[in-house]
Amino acid sequence: MSTTTIREQSDQIKAASARQLPGEVVDVFERDAAHLVEQGIPADAVKAGDQVEPFTLEDATGTPVSLDDLVAAGPAVIVFYRGGWCPYCNVALRTYQRELLPELGAFGARLVAISPQTPDGSLSTVEKAELDFTVLSDPGSRVAGRFGIVFEQADEVLAAQRKLGLDLAAVNAEGSVKLPRPTVLIVDQDRTVRFVDIQPDFTVRTEVADILTALATTRG
């Protein structure tokens, strides 16, 4: 197992971005990150002990997958990510594929990642990152909205992204520019939330060790 944490990998991305991206773009992203951190976790965001309402979303092939499907055999580890265009998301998803997925059998758990991008975008993410777990499309971030983790990108951030060749409205289903805060949930077979980790800082992700510890606690 790799000894490089997601945090260490993300720090490397941040350092490379600071060197390689236009200074004005870096400034916009840094202001945006600071603003989101200042906002913190919304008061109405999902909490451990909450009951999750049923939902059904399409996977990367357009096949409907329900929450009941996800928790049919055991708990579901649900990862909300921004999209395949996000380098911090890709680092996390690849790390989960490499280090988390092989450990889930011991808990009877299933891993699923959800973003607002289209099913085609999800398929691209699956193929590029060689993911063997379910990836779902959440049009308009409606399911993420139920969990209270959604925010809307500021105009200056959208403009900075377009300078880099990313049109968020084009890659997201329904042309939405809403995004989920990076979040990991563990939901049990009763659809009860057993673990929540919401990251206001979009460069930070939940570490594999923390998810495994939470699964062990849930099983206990």
C-alpha atoms as a PDB file:
ATOM      1  CA  MET A   1       0.000   0.000   0.000  1.00  0.00           C
ATOM      2  CA  SER A   2       1.255   3.483  -0.851  1.00  0.00           C
ATOM      3  CA  THR A   3       2.540   5.586   2.012  1.00  0.00           C
ATOM      4  CA  THR A   4       1.674   8.831   0.225  1.00  0.00           C
ATOM      5  CA  THR A   5      -1.474  10.350   1.692  1.00  0.00           C
ATOM      6  CA  ILE A   6      -4.096  12.131  -0.392  1.00  0.00           C
ATOM      7  CA  ARG A   7      -3.065  15.337   1.404  1.00  0.00           C
ATOM      8  CA  GLU A   8       0.547  14.928   0.275  1.00  0.00           C
ATOM      9  CA  GLN A   9      -0.526  14.270  -3.307  1.00  0.00           C
ATOM     10  CA  SER A  10      -2.853  17.290  -3.243  1.00  0.00           C
ATOM     11  CA  ASP A  11      -0.078  19.506  -1.893  1.00  0.00           C
ATOM     12  CA  GLN A  12       2.049  18.468  -4.870  1.00  0.00           C
ATOM     13  CA  ILE A  13      -0.766  19.465  -7.244  1.00  0.00           C
ATOM     14  CA  LYS A  14      -1.137  22.844  -5.531  1.00  0.00           C
ATOM     15  CA  ALA A  15       2.589  23.511  -5.795  1.00  0.00           C
ATOM     16  CA  ALA A  16       2.643  22.554  -9.481  1.00  0.00           C
ATOM     17  CA  SER A  17      -0.422  24.700 -10.207  1.00  0.00           C
ATOM     18  CA  ALA A  18       1.193  27.712  -8.532  1.00  0.00           C
ATOM     19  CA  ARG A  19       4.184  27.300 -10.854  1.00  0.00           C
ATOM     20  CA  GLN A  20       2.378  26.476 -14.091  1.00  0.00           C
ATOM     21  CA  LEU A  21      -0.925  28.365 -14.146  1.00  0.00           C
ATOM     22  CA  PRO A  22      -1.314  32.084 -14.915  1.00  0.00           C
ATOM     23  CA  GLY A  23      -0.883  34.160 -11.761  1.00  0.00           C
ATOM     24  CA  GLU A  24      -4.306  35.800 -12.033  1.00  0.00           C
ATOM     25  CA  VAL A  25      -5.984  32.377 -12.292  1.00  0.00           C
ATOM     26  CA  VAL A  26      -4.103  31.091  -9.256  1.00  0.00           C
ATOM     27  CA  ASP A  27      -5.201  34.193  -7.327  1.00  0.00           C
ATOM     28  CA  VAL A  28      -8.866  33.575  -8.207  1.00  0.00           C
ATOM     29  CA  PHE A  29      -8.703  29.948  -7.126  1.00  0.00           C
ATOM     30  CA  GLU A  30      -6.946  30.835  -3.875  1.00  0.00           C
ATOM     31  CA  ARG A  31      -9.562  33.489  -3.055  1.00  0.00           C
ATOM     32  CA  ASP A  32     -12.305  31.004  -3.840  1.00  0.00           C
ATOM     33  CA  ALA A  33     -10.755  28.342  -1.595  1.00  0.00           C
ATOM     34  CA  ALA A  34     -10.360  30.835   1.252  1.00  0.00           C
ATOM     35  CA  HIS A  35     -13.971  31.969   0.868  1.00  0.00           C
ATOM     36  CA  LEU A  36     -15.289  28.397   0.972  1.00  0.00           C
ATOM     37  CA  VAL A  37     -13.198  27.621   4.048  1.00  0.00           C
ATOM     38  CA  GLU A  38     -14.504  30.782   5.708  1.00  0.00           C
ATOM     39  CA  GLN A  39     -18.079  29.676   4.947  1.00  0.00           C
ATOM     40  CA  GLY A  40     -17.347  26.332   6.566  1.00  0.00           C
ATOM     41  CA  ILE A  41     -19.800  23.454   6.666  1.00  0.00           C
ATOM     42  CA  PRO A  42     -23.431  24.551   6.134  1.00  0.00           C
ATOM     43  CA  ALA A  43     -25.630  24.307   9.212  1.00  0.00           C
ATOM     44  CA  ASP A  44     -28.154  22.164   7.322  1.00  0.00           C
ATOM     45  CA  ALA A  45     -25.555  19.709   6.002  1.00  0.00           C
ATOM     46  CA  VAL A  46     -26.014  15.979   6.542  1.00  0.00           C
ATOM     47  CA  LYS A  47     -24.977  14.629   9.938  1.00  0.00           C
ATOM     48  CA  ALA A  48     -24.295  11.197  11.393  1.00  0.00           C
ATOM     49  CA  GLY A  49     -27.576   9.632  12.480  1.00  0.00           C
ATOM     50  CA  ASP A  50     -29.611  11.210   9.666  1.00  0.00           C
ATOM     51  CA  GLN A  51     -31.875   9.003   7.584  1.00  0.00           C
ATOM     52  CA  VAL A  52     -31.220   9.176   3.843  1.00  0.00           C
ATOM     53  CA  GLU A  53     -34.188   9.456   1.492  1.00  0.00           C
ATOM     54  CA  PRO A  54     -34.144   6.925  -1.376  1.00  0.00           C
ATOM     55  CA  PHE A  55     -32.633   8.134  -4.642  1.00  0.00           C
ATOM     56  CA  THR A  56     -31.830   6.715  -8.075  1.00  0.00           C
ATOM     57  CA  LEU A  57     -29.113   8.040 -10.386  1.00  0.00           C
ATOM     58  CA  GLU A  58     -27.597   6.848 -13.659  1.00  0.00           C
ATOM     59  CA  ASP A  59     -24.177   5.228 -13.758  1.00  0.00           C
ATOM     60  CA  ALA A  60     -21.505   5.815 -16.392  1.00  0.00           C
ATOM     61  CA  THR A  61     -23.373   3.570 -18.868  1.00  0.00           C
ATOM     62  CA  GLY A  62     -26.736   5.232 -18.254  1.00  0.00           C
ATOM     63  CA  THR A  63     -28.046   2.379 -16.085  1.00  0.00           C
ATOM     64  CA  PRO A  64     -30.209   3.487 -13.115  1.00  0.00           C
ATOM     65  CA  VAL A  65     -28.709   2.659  -9.701  1.00  0.00           C
ATOM     66  CA  SER A  66     -30.734   3.187  -6.531  1.00  0.00           C
ATOM     67  CA  LEU A  67     -29.599   3.760  -2.968  1.00  0.00           C
ATOM     68  CA  ASP A  68     -31.280   0.456  -2.092  1.00  0.00           C
ATOM     69  CA  ASP A  69     -29.033  -1.235  -4.686  1.00  0.00           C
ATOM     70  CA  LEU A  70     -25.975   0.351  -3.086  1.00  0.00           C
ATOM     71  CA  VAL A  71     -26.765  -0.854   0.441  1.00  0.00           C
ATOM     72  CA  ALA A  72     -28.292  -4.212  -0.517  1.00  0.00           C
ATOM     73  CA  ALA A  73     -25.333  -6.276   0.751  1.00  0.00           C
ATOM     74  CA  GLY A  74     -23.866  -3.931   3.347  1.00  0.00           C
ATOM     75  CA  PRO A  75     -22.896  -0.305   3.975  1.00  0.00           C
ATOM     76  CA  ALA A  76     -22.170   2.089   1.128  1.00  0.00           C
ATOM     77  CA  VAL A  77     -19.198   4.445   1.089  1.00  0.00           C
ATOM     78  CA  ILE A  78     -20.551   7.403  -0.913  1.00  0.00           C
ATOM     79  CA  VAL A  79     -18.036   9.893  -2.290  1.00  0.00           C
ATOM     80  CA  PHE A  80     -19.277  13.225  -3.661  1.00  0.00           C
ATOM     81  CA  TYR A  81     -16.680  14.745  -5.999  1.00  0.00           C
ATOM     82  CA  ARG A  82     -16.653  17.789  -8.263  1.00  0.00           C
ATOM     83  CA  GLY A  83     -15.860  16.108 -11.587  1.00  0.00           C
ATOM     84  CA  GLY A  84     -13.245  14.382 -13.692  1.00  0.00           C
ATOM     85  CA  TRP A  85     -11.782  17.790 -14.574  1.00  0.00           C
ATOM     86  CA  CYS A  86     -10.708  18.324 -10.952  1.00  0.00           C
ATOM     87  CA  PRO A  87      -7.150  17.094 -10.262  1.00  0.00           C
ATOM     88  CA  TYR A  88      -7.799  16.822  -6.520  1.00  0.00           C
ATOM     89  CA  CYS A  89     -10.833  14.618  -7.197  1.00  0.00           C
ATOM     90  CA  ASN A  90      -8.814  12.409  -9.526  1.00  0.00           C
ATOM     91  CA  VAL A  91      -6.086  11.916  -6.933  1.00  0.00           C
ATOM     92  CA  ALA A  92      -8.685  10.892  -4.367  1.00  0.00           C
ATOM     93  CA  LEU A  93     -10.587   8.552  -6.715  1.00  0.00           C
ATOM     94  CA  ARG A  94      -7.394   6.822  -7.857  1.00  0.00           C
ATOM     95  CA  THR A  95      -6.254   6.445  -4.257  1.00  0.00           C
ATOM     96  CA  TYR A  96      -9.630   4.972  -3.279  1.00  0.00           C
ATOM     97  CA  GLN A  97      -9.376   2.562  -6.219  1.00  0.00           C
ATOM     98  CA  ARG A  98      -5.873   1.483  -5.225  1.00  0.00           C
ATOM     99  CA  GLU A  99      -6.053   1.476  -1.437  1.00  0.00           C
ATOM    100  CA  LEU A 100      -9.680   1.547  -0.257  1.00  0.00           C
ATOM    101  CA  LEU A 101     -11.510  -0.718  -2.697  1.00  0.00           C
ATOM    102  CA  PRO A 102      -9.450  -3.868  -1.883  1.00  0.00           C
ATOM    103  CA  GLU A 103     -10.270  -3.448   1.826  1.00  0.00           C
ATOM    104  CA  LEU A 104     -14.045  -3.104   1.467  1.00  0.00           C
ATOM    105  CA  GLY A 105     -14.805  -6.809   1.090  1.00  0.00           C
ATOM    106  CA  ALA A 106     -14.031  -7.342   4.768  1.00  0.00           C
ATOM    107  CA  PHE A 107     -16.890  -4.980   5.618  1.00  0.00           C
ATOM    108  CA  GLY A 108     -19.310  -6.109   2.906  1.00  0.00           C
ATOM    109  CA  ALA A 109     -19.193  -2.486   1.776  1.00  0.00           C
ATOM    110  CA  ARG A 110     -19.674  -0.923  -1.646  1.00  0.00           C
ATOM    111  CA  LEU A 111     -17.913   2.164  -2.971  1.00  0.00           C
ATOM    112  CA  VAL A 112     -19.701   4.710  -5.152  1.00  0.00           C
ATOM    113  CA  ALA A 113     -18.659   8.148  -6.415  1.00  0.00           C
ATOM    114  CA  ILE A 114     -21.184  10.843  -7.401  1.00  0.00           C
ATOM    115  CA  SER A 115     -20.660  14.072  -9.358  1.00  0.00           C
ATOM    116  CA  PRO A 116     -22.861  16.516 -11.296  1.00  0.00           C
ATOM    117  CA  GLN A 117     -21.187  15.706 -14.611  1.00  0.00           C
ATOM    118  CA  THR A 118     -23.041  13.878 -17.378  1.00  0.00           C
ATOM    119  CA  PRO A 119     -22.982  10.056 -17.622  1.00  0.00           C
ATOM    120  CA  ASP A 120     -20.585  10.481 -20.558  1.00  0.00           C
ATOM    121  CA  GLY A 121     -18.332  12.536 -18.314  1.00  0.00           C
ATOM    122  CA  SER A 122     -18.573   9.869 -15.648  1.00  0.00           C
ATOM    123  CA  LEU A 123     -17.607   7.225 -18.201  1.00  0.00           C
ATOM    124  CA  SER A 124     -14.563   9.271 -19.175  1.00  0.00           C
ATOM    125  CA  THR A 125     -13.578   9.523 -15.499  1.00  0.00           C
ATOM    126  CA  VAL A 126     -13.988   5.762 -15.044  1.00  0.00           C
ATOM    127  CA  GLU A 127     -11.881   4.978 -18.103  1.00  0.00           C
ATOM    128  CA  LYS A 128      -9.091   7.474 -17.451  1.00  0.00           C
ATOM    129  CA  ALA A 129      -8.699   6.548 -13.792  1.00  0.00           C
ATOM    130  CA  GLU A 130      -9.357   2.823 -14.442  1.00  0.00           C
ATOM    131  CA  LEU A 131     -12.009   2.712 -11.726  1.00  0.00           C
ATOM    132  CA  ASP A 132     -13.696  -0.563 -10.803  1.00  0.00           C
ATOM    133  CA  PHE A 133     -16.390   0.975  -8.618  1.00  0.00           C
ATOM    134  CA  THR A 134     -19.718   2.615  -9.427  1.00  0.00           C
ATOM    135  CA  VAL A 135     -19.693   6.234 -10.639  1.00  0.00           C
ATOM    136  CA  LEU A 136     -23.019   8.070 -10.774  1.00  0.00           C
ATOM    137  CA  SER A 137     -24.266  11.285 -12.382  1.00  0.00           C
ATOM    138  CA  ASP A 138     -26.247  13.719 -10.200  1.00  0.00           C
ATOM    139  CA  PRO A 139     -27.918  16.208 -12.603  1.00  0.00           C
ATOM    140  CA  GLY A 140     -28.142  19.672 -11.114  1.00  0.00           C
ATOM    141  CA  SER A 141     -26.516  18.323  -7.924  1.00  0.00           C
ATOM    142  CA  ARG A 142     -30.029  17.588  -6.668  1.00  0.00           C
ATOM    143  CA  VAL A 143     -29.091  14.596  -4.521  1.00  0.00           C
ATOM    144  CA  ALA A 144     -26.059  16.454  -3.189  1.00  0.00           C
ATOM    145  CA  GLY A 145     -28.446  19.329  -2.457  1.00  0.00           C
ATOM    146  CA  ARG A 146     -30.538  17.062  -0.252  1.00  0.00           C
ATOM    147  CA  PHE A 147     -27.415  16.475   1.811  1.00  0.00           C
ATOM    148  CA  GLY A 148     -26.849  20.230   2.147  1.00  0.00           C
ATOM    149  CA  ILE A 149     -23.365  20.156   0.601  1.00  0.00           C
ATOM    150  CA  VAL A 150     -23.918  22.145  -2.625  1.00  0.00           C
ATOM    151  CA  PHE A 151     -22.523  25.537  -3.568  1.00  0.00           C
ATOM    152  CA  GLU A 152     -22.567  27.594  -6.760  1.00  0.00           C
ATOM    153  CA  GLN A 153     -19.356  28.667  -8.445  1.00  0.00           C
ATOM    154  CA  ALA A 154     -18.689  32.424  -8.441  1.00  0.00           C
ATOM    155  CA  ASP A 155     -18.593  34.165 -11.823  1.00  0.00           C
ATOM    156  CA  GLU A 156     -14.888  34.977 -11.514  1.00  0.00           C
ATOM    157  CA  VAL A 157     -14.124  31.313 -10.807  1.00  0.00           C
ATOM    158  CA  LEU A 158     -16.143  30.189 -13.837  1.00  0.00           C
ATOM    159  CA  ALA A 159     -14.268  32.755 -15.958  1.00  0.00           C
ATOM    160  CA  ALA A 160     -10.904  31.536 -14.648  1.00  0.00           C
ATOM    161  CA  GLN A 161     -11.876  27.952 -15.404  1.00  0.00           C
ATOM    162  CA  ARG A 162     -12.859  28.917 -18.950  1.00  0.00           C
ATOM    163  CA  LYS A 163      -9.391  30.449 -19.402  1.00  0.00           C
ATOM    164  CA  LEU A 164      -8.044  26.970 -18.692  1.00  0.00           C
ATOM    165  CA  GLY A 165     -10.435  25.375 -21.183  1.00  0.00           C
ATOM    166  CA  LEU A 166     -13.077  24.186 -18.726  1.00  0.00           C
ATOM    167  CA  ASP A 167     -16.692  25.213 -19.309  1.00  0.00           C
ATOM    168  CA  LEU A 168     -18.434  23.826 -16.242  1.00  0.00           C
ATOM    169  CA  ALA A 169     -21.894  24.293 -17.747  1.00  0.00           C
ATOM    170  CA  ALA A 170     -20.831  22.114 -20.684  1.00  0.00           C
ATOM    171  CA  VAL A 171     -19.447  19.209 -18.646  1.00  0.00           C
ATOM    172  CA  ASN A 172     -22.190  19.142 -16.014  1.00  0.00           C
ATOM    173  CA  ALA A 173     -25.578  17.575 -16.652  1.00  0.00           C
ATOM    174  CA  GLU A 174     -28.328  20.141 -17.339  1.00  0.00           C
ATOM    175  CA  GLY A 175     -25.743  22.919 -17.703  1.00  0.00           C
ATOM    176  CA  SER A 176     -25.578  23.417 -13.959  1.00  0.00           C
ATOM    177  CA  VAL A 177     -22.649  25.228 -12.347  1.00  0.00           C
ATOM    178  CA  LYS A 178     -23.487  23.934  -8.883  1.00  0.00           C
ATOM    179  CA  LEU A 179     -20.921  21.673  -7.247  1.00  0.00           C
ATOM    180  CA  PRO A 180     -20.834  19.479  -4.157  1.00  0.00           C
ATOM    181  CA  ARG A 181     -18.345  20.127  -1.396  1.00  0.00           C
ATOM    182  CA  PRO A 182     -15.999  17.117  -1.313  1.00  0.00           C
ATOM    183  CA  THR A 183     -17.816  14.708   0.997  1.00  0.00           C
ATOM    184  CA  VAL A 184     -17.614  11.090   2.107  1.00  0.00           C
ATOM    185  CA  LEU A 185     -20.605   9.368   3.741  1.00  0.00           C
ATOM    186  CA  ILE A 186     -21.025   5.870   5.099  1.00  0.00           C
ATOM    187  CA  VAL A 187     -24.668   4.805   4.884  1.00  0.00           C
ATOM    188  CA  ASP A 188     -25.828   1.508   6.396  1.00  0.00           C
ATOM    189  CA  GLN A 189     -28.498  -0.908   5.172  1.00  0.00           C
ATOM    190  CA  ASP A 190     -31.175   0.974   7.117  1.00  0.00           C
ATOM    191  CA  ARG A 191     -30.196   4.103   5.107  1.00  0.00           C
ATOM    192  CA  THR A 192     -28.802   5.683   8.266  1.00  0.00           C
ATOM    193  CA  VAL A 193     -25.702   7.861   7.960  1.00  0.00           C
ATOM    194  CA  ARG A 194     -22.954   6.428  10.158  1.00  0.00           C
ATOM    195  CA  PHE A 195     -20.059   8.684   9.134  1.00  0.00           C
ATOM    196  CA  VAL A 196     -19.771  12.089   7.475  1.00  0.00           C
ATOM    197  CA  ASP A 197     -16.702  14.043   6.384  1.00  0.00           C
ATOM    198  CA  ILE A 198     -17.418  17.296   4.518  1.00  0.00           C
ATOM    199  CA  GLN A 199     -14.456  19.333   3.307  1.00  0.00           C
ATOM    200  CA  PRO A 200     -14.999  23.099   2.854  1.00  0.00           C
ATOM    201  CA  ASP A 201     -11.533  23.265   1.213  1.00  0.00           C
ATOM    202  CA  PHE A 202     -11.862  21.817  -2.290  1.00  0.00           C
ATOM    203  CA  THR A 203      -8.202  20.733  -2.265  1.00  0.00           C
ATOM    204  CA  VAL A 204      -8.724  18.416   0.748  1.00  0.00           C
ATOM    205  CA  ARG A 205     -10.140  14.875   0.678  1.00  0.00           C
ATOM    206  CA  THR A 206     -11.003  12.187   3.225  1.00  0.00           C
ATOM    207  CA  GLU A 207      -8.073   9.858   3.821  1.00  0.00           C
ATOM    208  CA  VAL A 208      -8.409   6.101   3.281  1.00  0.00           C
ATOM    209  CA  ALA A 209      -7.359   5.369   6.873  1.00  0.00           C
ATOM    210  CA  ASP A 210     -10.201   7.520   8.220  1.00  0.00           C
ATOM    211  CA  ILE A 211     -12.784   5.714   6.074  1.00  0.00           C
ATOM    212  CA  LEU A 212     -11.514   2.284   7.160  1.00  0.00           C
ATOM    213  CA  THR A 213     -11.566   3.329  10.811  1.00  0.00           C
ATOM    214  CA  ALA A 214     -15.159   4.532  10.411  1.00  0.00           C
ATOM    215  CA  LEU A 215     -16.179   1.266   8.737  1.00  0.00           C
ATOM    216  CA  ALA A 216     -14.618  -0.733  11.567  1.00  0.00           C
ATOM    217  CA  THR A 217     -16.482   1.383  14.112  1.00  0.00           C
ATOM    218  CA  THR A 218     -19.734   0.964  12.208  1.00  0.00           C
ATOM    219  CA  ARG A 219     -19.319  -2.791  12.061  1.00  0.00           C
ATOM    220  CA  GLY A 220     -18.449  -2.888  15.762  1.00  0.00           C
END
